[in-house]
């Protein structure tokens, strides 16, 4: 169920914009900076709401908040599609951003981490394998709908799928029991004491140097990755591709994501937490730089886009398991919400930053080189993002955590 709603939610709320943004600017007369600024605002709202969503899921489970978020997406996307002016367009993206906080990866990861137990990595891998196809399916579909009926009607058509799929599946598919307290505490402290202990533990982890470095690394990676994703179509058009072929290339990046996730279990088993984090972020940097430096050959650019998608796909799982690999599953929703919030803020700035870099530097290729450098800095920060005790004795720091 979660895999199904993730592919639809990512496709409608996120990847459709990447395919439709050029048509939005051409039709409305709003500048590319103004349009991407609205999308960036949605990511900011998502990051802010995400911390509360994580705490709510830790306490009560995902059913109510994910269903409510699906409902909020309806007026949000409708306002985006029907906006008569820029103010309404921005309001629509504010609502859509709040919906993202309760429908995309972080709440789904929290649910599967809680329910998955020792099989959570397999569950997370399955989820991201399916959701990785969101760009493969929805970027070309959005582009075709845009050509046939225009971007506004395309958004409304996609919204129909969102209503039919996500709202009922979240409500009826997330009714499993949610046990807040671990078994070992059944005869121990009172509920208030356990909550206070959980708050103290969360505070201690969140203030630790490894967590701070991990948060910075994820934020820089989010900036680089999402600036590239949202600006990939205009970058490829700049290289001489048609818009439809560029949308297909963006979609094929989703195939690369799926390929990377298929091999994640073996990759995790063969590497330490630190090693795989550094390798994946370095891979993002190298693939981004390669896209910037490659000759304008469509086949080569598509292959490089798929390789970047592969690195991006593995990174999603590295991020999803970052908390449990280092500090265990307790308070996962809250800690992952704190970890994800700066990355979501960076993702919010990313579309605007990518467009501005391209404008300032004269081309999207030059902007991609700068973004490759940002990802390289994130790889360096990842070297210090694992607690010392885990490095020396934790099983997930020595070899991949198979839980």
Protein backbone atom coordinates (compact mmCIF):
# COMPACT_ATOMS: atom_id res chain seq x y z
CA UNK A 1 0.00 0.00 0.00
CA UNK A 2 2.72 2.45 0.94
CA UNK A 3 4.63 1.64 -2.24
CA UNK A 4 1.54 2.43 -4.30
CA UNK A 5 0.80 5.74 -2.63
CA UNK A 6 4.46 6.77 -2.73
CA UNK A 7 4.74 6.40 -6.51
CA UNK A 8 1.52 8.39 -7.02
CA UNK A 9 2.36 11.06 -4.41
CA UNK A 10 5.89 11.63 -5.68
CA UNK A 11 4.66 11.64 -9.27
CA UNK A 12 1.87 14.18 -8.78
CA UNK A 13 3.27 16.39 -6.02
CA UNK A 14 6.90 16.49 -7.14
CA UNK A 15 7.94 15.13 -10.54
CA UNK A 16 5.02 16.58 -12.50
CA UNK A 17 6.37 20.05 -11.74
CA UNK A 18 9.75 19.20 -13.25
CA UNK A 19 8.03 18.32 -16.52
CA UNK A 20 5.50 21.18 -16.52
CA UNK A 21 7.49 24.16 -15.24
CA UNK A 22 8.58 25.43 -18.67
CA UNK A 23 4.96 25.37 -19.89
CA UNK A 24 3.84 27.20 -16.75
CA UNK A 25 6.28 30.04 -17.37
CA UNK A 26 5.44 30.20 -21.09
CA UNK A 27 1.67 30.25 -20.50
CA UNK A 28 1.49 32.63 -17.55
CA UNK A 29 4.32 35.02 -18.26
CA UNK A 30 5.68 34.48 -14.76
CA UNK A 31 9.46 34.23 -14.68
CA UNK A 32 11.26 30.94 -14.13
CA UNK A 33 12.57 32.29 -10.83
CA UNK A 34 9.03 33.16 -9.66
CA UNK A 35 7.68 29.75 -10.62
CA UNK A 36 10.52 27.75 -9.06
CA UNK A 37 10.29 30.02 -6.02
CA UNK A 38 6.77 28.75 -5.40
CA UNK A 39 7.97 25.16 -5.59
CA UNK A 40 10.82 26.03 -3.23
CA UNK A 41 8.32 27.49 -0.77
CA UNK A 42 6.49 24.16 -0.81
CA UNK A 43 9.68 22.37 0.24
CA UNK A 44 10.20 24.87 3.08
CA UNK A 45 6.68 24.22 4.33
CA UNK A 46 7.31 20.49 4.05
CA UNK A 47 10.48 20.74 6.13
CA UNK A 48 8.80 22.77 8.84
CA UNK A 49 5.76 20.52 9.07
CA UNK A 50 7.88 17.37 8.88
CA UNK A 51 9.24 17.68 12.43
CA UNK A 52 5.71 17.74 13.85
CA UNK A 53 4.68 14.86 11.57
CA UNK A 54 7.57 12.73 12.87
CA UNK A 55 6.65 13.38 16.51
CA UNK A 56 2.99 12.61 15.82
CA UNK A 57 3.84 9.31 14.13
CA UNK A 58 6.10 8.27 17.03
CA UNK A 59 3.21 8.86 19.42
CA UNK A 60 0.12 7.80 17.47
CA UNK A 61 1.14 6.09 14.23
CA UNK A 62 0.89 7.22 10.60
CA UNK A 63 -2.77 6.60 9.71
CA UNK A 64 -4.41 9.88 10.66
CA UNK A 65 -1.62 12.23 9.67
CA UNK A 66 -0.95 10.60 6.28
CA UNK A 67 -4.65 10.52 5.42
CA UNK A 68 -5.05 14.16 6.45
CA UNK A 69 -2.02 15.13 4.36
CA UNK A 70 -3.55 13.38 1.34
CA UNK A 71 -6.70 15.44 1.83
CA UNK A 72 -4.71 18.68 2.11
CA UNK A 73 -3.07 17.88 -1.23
CA UNK A 74 -6.43 18.15 -3.02
CA UNK A 75 -7.04 21.91 -2.57
CA UNK A 76 -3.29 22.48 -2.86
CA UNK A 77 -2.85 20.96 -6.31
CA UNK A 78 -6.22 22.35 -7.45
CA UNK A 79 -5.11 25.87 -6.50
CA UNK A 80 -1.85 25.40 -8.40
CA UNK A 81 -3.72 24.23 -11.50
CA UNK A 82 -6.41 26.93 -11.42
CA UNK A 83 -4.34 29.86 -10.11
CA UNK A 84 -5.41 33.09 -11.82
CA UNK A 85 -2.42 34.96 -10.41
CA UNK A 86 0.93 34.35 -8.73
CA UNK A 87 -0.45 34.81 -5.19
CA UNK A 88 -2.92 31.93 -5.57
CA UNK A 89 -0.20 29.85 -7.23
CA UNK A 90 2.01 30.35 -4.17
CA UNK A 91 -0.86 29.57 -1.79
CA UNK A 92 -1.45 26.31 -3.64
CA UNK A 93 2.17 25.32 -3.23
CA UNK A 94 2.08 26.15 0.50
CA UNK A 95 -0.76 23.64 0.94
CA UNK A 96 0.99 21.16 -1.32
CA UNK A 97 4.16 21.50 0.77
CA UNK A 98 2.25 20.67 3.94
CA UNK A 99 0.80 17.66 2.13
CA UNK A 100 4.29 16.54 1.09
CA UNK A 101 5.37 16.45 4.74
CA UNK A 102 2.75 13.84 5.50
CA UNK A 103 2.78 11.80 2.29
CA UNK A 104 6.32 11.42 0.94
CA UNK A 105 9.27 9.38 2.20
CA UNK A 106 9.84 10.47 5.85
CA UNK A 107 6.43 9.37 7.24
CA UNK A 108 6.48 6.20 5.14
CA UNK A 109 9.99 5.40 6.38
CA UNK A 110 8.85 5.94 9.99
CA UNK A 111 5.92 3.56 9.49
CA UNK A 112 8.03 0.81 7.93
CA UNK A 113 10.85 1.20 10.45
CA UNK A 114 8.33 0.69 13.28
CA UNK A 115 6.37 -2.17 11.69
CA UNK A 116 9.25 -3.80 9.81
CA UNK A 117 11.32 -4.82 12.85
CA UNK A 118 14.31 -6.88 11.78
CA UNK A 119 13.03 -6.85 8.18
CA UNK A 120 12.80 -3.07 7.91
CA UNK A 121 15.67 -2.69 5.43
CA UNK A 122 13.95 -5.10 3.04
CA UNK A 123 10.69 -3.21 3.48
CA UNK A 124 12.36 0.16 2.89
CA UNK A 125 14.13 -1.20 -0.18
CA UNK A 126 10.88 -2.48 -1.65
CA UNK A 127 9.16 0.84 -1.01
CA UNK A 128 11.90 2.90 -2.64
CA UNK A 129 12.19 0.48 -5.56
CA UNK A 130 8.59 1.12 -6.50
CA UNK A 131 8.58 4.82 -5.66
CA UNK A 132 11.77 5.24 -7.69
CA UNK A 133 9.63 4.72 -10.78
CA UNK A 134 7.61 7.87 -10.04
CA UNK A 135 9.71 10.02 -12.36
CA UNK A 136 9.80 7.25 -14.98
CA UNK A 137 6.01 7.16 -15.10
CA UNK A 138 4.86 10.66 -14.27
CA UNK A 139 7.39 12.94 -15.98
CA UNK A 140 6.60 11.60 -19.49
CA UNK A 141 2.86 11.31 -18.68
CA UNK A 142 2.75 14.91 -17.47
CA UNK A 143 4.59 16.05 -20.59
CA UNK A 144 2.17 14.18 -22.90
CA UNK A 145 -0.86 15.56 -21.03
CA UNK A 146 0.65 19.02 -21.26
CA UNK A 147 0.90 18.74 -25.04
CA UNK A 148 -2.64 17.39 -25.32
CA UNK A 149 -4.66 19.50 -22.86
CA UNK A 150 -2.29 22.09 -21.35
CA UNK A 151 -0.50 22.20 -18.01
CA UNK A 152 -3.54 23.28 -15.96
CA UNK A 153 -5.75 20.43 -17.15
CA UNK A 154 -2.76 18.07 -16.86
CA UNK A 155 -2.44 18.90 -13.14
CA UNK A 156 -6.18 18.38 -12.62
CA UNK A 157 -6.05 15.04 -14.42
CA UNK A 158 -3.14 13.93 -12.24
CA UNK A 159 -4.97 15.17 -9.14
CA UNK A 160 -7.81 12.77 -9.92
CA UNK A 161 -5.41 9.86 -9.57
CA UNK A 162 -4.13 11.29 -6.29
CA UNK A 163 -7.65 11.49 -4.85
CA UNK A 164 -8.67 8.01 -5.97
CA UNK A 165 -5.48 6.29 -4.80
CA UNK A 166 -3.84 7.99 -1.83
CA UNK A 167 -6.72 9.06 0.42
CA UNK A 168 -8.49 5.68 0.70
CA UNK A 169 -5.29 3.64 0.81
CA UNK A 170 -3.82 5.71 3.62
CA UNK A 171 -7.00 5.39 5.68
CA UNK A 172 -7.73 1.71 5.12
CA UNK A 173 -4.18 0.47 4.68
CA UNK A 174 -2.51 1.92 7.78
CA UNK A 175 -4.72 0.44 10.46
CA UNK A 176 -2.13 -1.94 11.94
CA UNK A 177 -1.58 -1.73 15.72
CA UNK A 178 0.92 0.95 16.74
CA UNK A 179 2.82 0.05 19.91
CA UNK A 180 4.42 3.17 21.30
CA UNK A 181 6.24 1.47 24.16
CA UNK A 182 8.90 -1.20 23.73
CA UNK A 183 8.39 -4.51 25.51
CA UNK A 184 11.38 -4.03 27.76
CA UNK A 185 9.68 -0.99 29.35
CA UNK A 186 6.37 -2.72 30.12
CA UNK A 187 7.08 -3.03 33.85
CA UNK A 188 9.47 -0.10 34.06
CA UNK A 189 8.95 3.67 34.25
CA UNK A 190 5.57 5.39 33.90
CA UNK A 191 4.40 6.76 30.58
CA UNK A 192 5.41 10.32 31.51
CA UNK A 193 8.84 9.12 32.59
CA UNK A 194 9.30 7.21 29.36
CA UNK A 195 8.36 10.28 27.36
CA UNK A 196 10.83 12.37 29.32
CA UNK A 197 13.54 9.75 28.76
CA UNK A 198 12.74 9.74 25.04
CA UNK A 199 12.95 13.54 24.89
CA UNK A 200 16.30 13.49 26.69
CA UNK A 201 17.65 10.80 24.38
CA UNK A 202 16.48 12.68 21.27
CA UNK A 203 18.10 15.87 22.56
CA UNK A 204 21.39 14.11 23.30
CA UNK A 205 21.56 12.49 19.86
CA UNK A 206 20.48 15.65 18.00
CA UNK A 207 23.18 17.73 19.70
CA UNK A 208 25.98 15.22 19.09
CA UNK A 209 28.73 16.04 16.59
CA UNK A 210 28.05 12.99 14.35
CA UNK A 211 24.36 13.92 14.08
CA UNK A 212 25.20 17.54 13.27
CA UNK A 213 27.69 16.47 10.57
CA UNK A 214 25.20 13.95 9.21
CA UNK A 215 22.54 16.67 9.06
CA UNK A 216 24.89 19.06 7.24
CA UNK A 217 25.93 16.35 4.78
CA UNK A 218 22.31 15.48 4.05
CA UNK A 219 21.37 19.13 3.62
CA UNK A 220 24.17 19.74 1.10
CA UNK A 221 23.27 16.54 -0.72
CA UNK A 222 19.63 17.58 -0.85
CA UNK A 223 20.66 20.92 -2.33
CA UNK A 224 22.79 19.30 -5.02
CA UNK A 225 20.46 16.40 -5.88
CA UNK A 226 17.21 18.33 -6.10
CA UNK A 227 18.73 21.30 -7.91
CA UNK A 228 19.89 18.84 -10.56
CA UNK A 229 16.56 16.94 -10.72
CA UNK A 230 14.38 20.03 -11.10
CA UNK A 231 16.76 21.72 -13.57
CA UNK A 232 17.67 18.62 -15.56
CA UNK A 233 15.06 19.20 -18.28
CA UNK A 234 16.12 22.81 -19.02
CA UNK A 235 19.77 21.70 -18.85
CA UNK A 236 19.17 18.99 -21.46
CA UNK A 237 17.13 21.38 -23.61
CA UNK A 238 20.09 23.75 -23.42
CA UNK A 239 22.21 20.88 -24.77
CA UNK A 240 19.92 20.55 -27.81
CA UNK A 241 17.34 17.94 -26.71
CA UNK A 242 13.64 18.40 -27.36
CA UNK A 243 11.53 19.01 -24.26
CA UNK A 244 9.74 15.68 -24.61
CA UNK A 245 13.01 13.73 -24.97
CA UNK A 246 14.41 15.61 -21.96
CA UNK A 247 11.31 14.56 -19.96
CA UNK A 248 11.93 10.96 -21.02
CA UNK A 249 15.57 11.31 -19.88
CA UNK A 250 14.34 12.58 -16.51
CA UNK A 251 12.05 9.57 -16.30
CA UNK A 252 14.85 7.15 -17.15
CA UNK A 253 16.72 8.51 -14.16
CA UNK A 254 14.05 6.70 -12.17
CA UNK A 255 15.14 3.45 -13.79
CA UNK A 256 18.64 4.20 -12.53
CA UNK A 257 17.24 4.74 -9.04
CA UNK A 258 15.54 1.36 -9.12
CA UNK A 259 18.75 -0.33 -10.30
CA UNK A 260 20.70 1.22 -7.44
CA UNK A 261 18.17 0.12 -4.85
CA UNK A 262 18.10 -3.43 -6.18
CA UNK A 263 21.76 -3.74 -5.26
CA UNK A 264 21.57 -1.90 -1.95
CA UNK A 265 21.39 -4.96 0.32
CA UNK A 266 24.67 -6.38 -1.00
CA UNK A 267 26.28 -2.96 -1.01
CA UNK A 268 25.24 -2.36 2.62
CA UNK A 269 26.45 -5.81 3.69
CA UNK A 270 29.89 -5.15 2.19
CA UNK A 271 30.46 -1.65 3.59
CA UNK A 272 30.46 0.23 6.87
CA UNK A 273 28.01 3.03 7.58
CA UNK A 274 30.72 5.63 6.98
CA UNK A 275 32.11 4.02 3.83
CA UNK A 276 28.82 3.65 2.03
CA UNK A 277 27.79 7.20 2.90
CA UNK A 278 31.03 8.63 1.53
CA UNK A 279 30.96 6.47 -1.60
CA UNK A 280 27.37 7.32 -2.47
CA UNK A 281 27.81 11.07 -2.02
CA UNK A 282 31.04 10.97 -4.01
CA UNK A 283 29.11 9.12 -6.73
CA UNK A 284 26.51 11.91 -6.81
CA UNK A 285 29.30 14.47 -7.19
CA UNK A 286 31.07 12.61 -9.99
CA UNK A 287 27.88 11.89 -11.96
CA UNK A 288 26.75 15.53 -11.69
CA UNK A 289 30.13 16.78 -12.90
CA UNK A 290 30.07 14.28 -15.76
CA UNK A 291 26.70 15.62 -16.91
CA UNK A 292 28.13 19.13 -16.94
CA UNK A 293 31.28 18.21 -18.87
CA UNK A 294 29.86 15.67 -21.35
CA UNK A 295 29.50 16.54 -25.05
CA UNK A 296 25.99 17.31 -26.29
CA UNK A 297 25.21 13.74 -27.35
CA UNK A 298 21.66 12.74 -26.31
CA UNK A 299 22.46 9.05 -25.75
CA UNK A 300 25.46 9.86 -23.54
CA UNK A 301 23.53 12.44 -21.53
CA UNK A 302 20.71 9.98 -20.94
CA UNK A 303 23.16 7.31 -19.73
CA UNK A 304 24.83 9.79 -17.37
CA UNK A 305 21.40 10.84 -16.10
CA UNK A 306 20.63 7.20 -15.33
CA UNK A 307 23.95 6.84 -13.48
CA UNK A 308 23.12 9.90 -11.43
CA UNK A 309 19.72 8.33 -10.77
CA UNK A 310 21.49 5.18 -9.57
CA UNK A 311 23.53 7.15 -7.05
CA UNK A 312 20.43 9.09 -6.03
CA UNK A 313 18.52 5.85 -5.52
CA UNK A 314 21.14 4.38 -3.22
CA UNK A 315 21.36 7.68 -1.33
CA UNK A 316 17.63 7.50 -0.53
CA UNK A 317 18.20 4.23 1.35
CA UNK A 318 21.38 5.53 3.00
CA UNK A 319 19.29 8.42 4.29
CA UNK A 320 16.36 6.19 5.30
CA UNK A 321 18.59 3.94 7.43
CA UNK A 322 20.94 6.66 8.70
CA UNK A 323 19.29 6.96 12.13
CA UNK A 324 18.75 3.25 12.80
CA UNK A 325 22.24 2.30 11.59
CA UNK A 326 23.80 4.73 14.09
CA UNK A 327 21.41 5.09 17.02
CA UNK A 328 18.83 2.31 16.68
CA UNK A 329 15.08 2.47 15.94
CA UNK A 330 13.90 4.25 19.12
CA UNK A 331 12.30 7.67 18.42
CA UNK A 332 12.96 7.16 14.72
CA UNK A 333 10.15 9.44 13.55
CA UNK A 334 11.32 12.37 15.67
CA UNK A 335 15.04 11.97 14.92
CA UNK A 336 14.44 11.41 11.22
CA UNK A 337 12.18 14.46 11.15
CA UNK A 338 14.97 16.57 12.68
CA UNK A 339 17.52 15.05 10.29
CA UNK A 340 15.29 15.57 7.25
CA UNK A 341 14.16 19.13 7.97
CA UNK A 342 17.39 20.92 6.89
CA UNK A 343 17.60 18.64 3.84
CA UNK A 344 14.04 19.62 2.92
CA UNK A 345 14.94 23.29 3.37
CA UNK A 346 17.93 22.74 1.10
CA UNK A 347 15.67 20.96 -1.38
CA UNK A 348 13.39 23.99 -1.16
CA UNK A 349 16.21 26.33 -2.09
CA UNK A 350 17.51 23.92 -4.73
CA UNK A 351 15.23 24.71 -7.72
CA UNK A 352 15.72 28.44 -7.21
CA UNK A 353 19.46 28.02 -6.55
CA UNK A 354 19.93 25.92 -9.68
CA UNK A 355 18.11 28.43 -11.86
CA UNK A 356 20.01 31.37 -10.34
CA UNK A 357 23.37 29.63 -10.70
CA UNK A 358 22.62 28.97 -14.36
CA UNK A 359 21.70 32.62 -14.85
CA UNK A 360 24.75 33.95 -13.02
CA UNK A 361 27.24 31.51 -14.58
CA UNK A 362 25.83 31.64 -18.09
CA UNK A 363 24.73 28.02 -18.48
CA UNK A 364 23.17 25.07 -16.70
CA UNK A 365 26.37 23.09 -17.33
CA UNK A 366 28.36 25.56 -15.22
CA UNK A 367 25.69 25.42 -12.52
CA UNK A 368 25.94 21.62 -12.44
CA UNK A 369 29.70 21.86 -11.87
CA UNK A 370 29.11 24.00 -8.79
CA UNK A 371 26.48 21.54 -7.56
CA UNK A 372 28.96 18.70 -8.04
CA UNK A 373 31.34 20.56 -5.74
CA UNK A 374 28.57 20.90 -3.12
CA UNK A 375 28.01 17.13 -3.20
CA UNK A 376 31.78 16.62 -2.84
CA UNK A 377 31.81 18.70 0.35
CA UNK A 378 28.94 16.56 1.68
CA UNK A 379 30.99 13.42 1.05
CA UNK A 380 33.83 14.85 3.15
CA UNK A 381 31.46 15.73 6.01
CA UNK A 382 30.11 12.18 5.98
CA UNK A 383 33.52 10.96 7.20
CA UNK A 384 32.72 12.24 10.69
CA UNK A 385 29.02 11.39 10.77
CA UNK A 386 29.16 8.09 12.67
CA UNK A 387 29.34 7.81 16.49
CA UNK A 388 32.75 6.64 17.73
CA UNK A 389 31.36 3.68 19.70
CA UNK A 390 29.57 2.39 16.62
CA UNK A 391 32.68 2.72 14.51
CA UNK A 392 34.63 0.59 16.96
CA UNK A 393 32.11 -2.03 17.89
CA UNK A 394 28.70 -1.55 16.27
CA UNK A 395 27.78 -4.19 13.73
CA UNK A 396 26.28 -1.66 11.33
CA UNK A 397 29.50 0.35 11.33
CA UNK A 398 31.65 -2.63 10.44
CA UNK A 399 29.40 -4.30 7.90
CA UNK A 400 25.97 -3.53 6.55
CA UNK A 401 23.16 -3.75 9.06
CA UNK A 402 20.93 -6.59 7.85
CA UNK A 403 18.09 -5.84 10.24
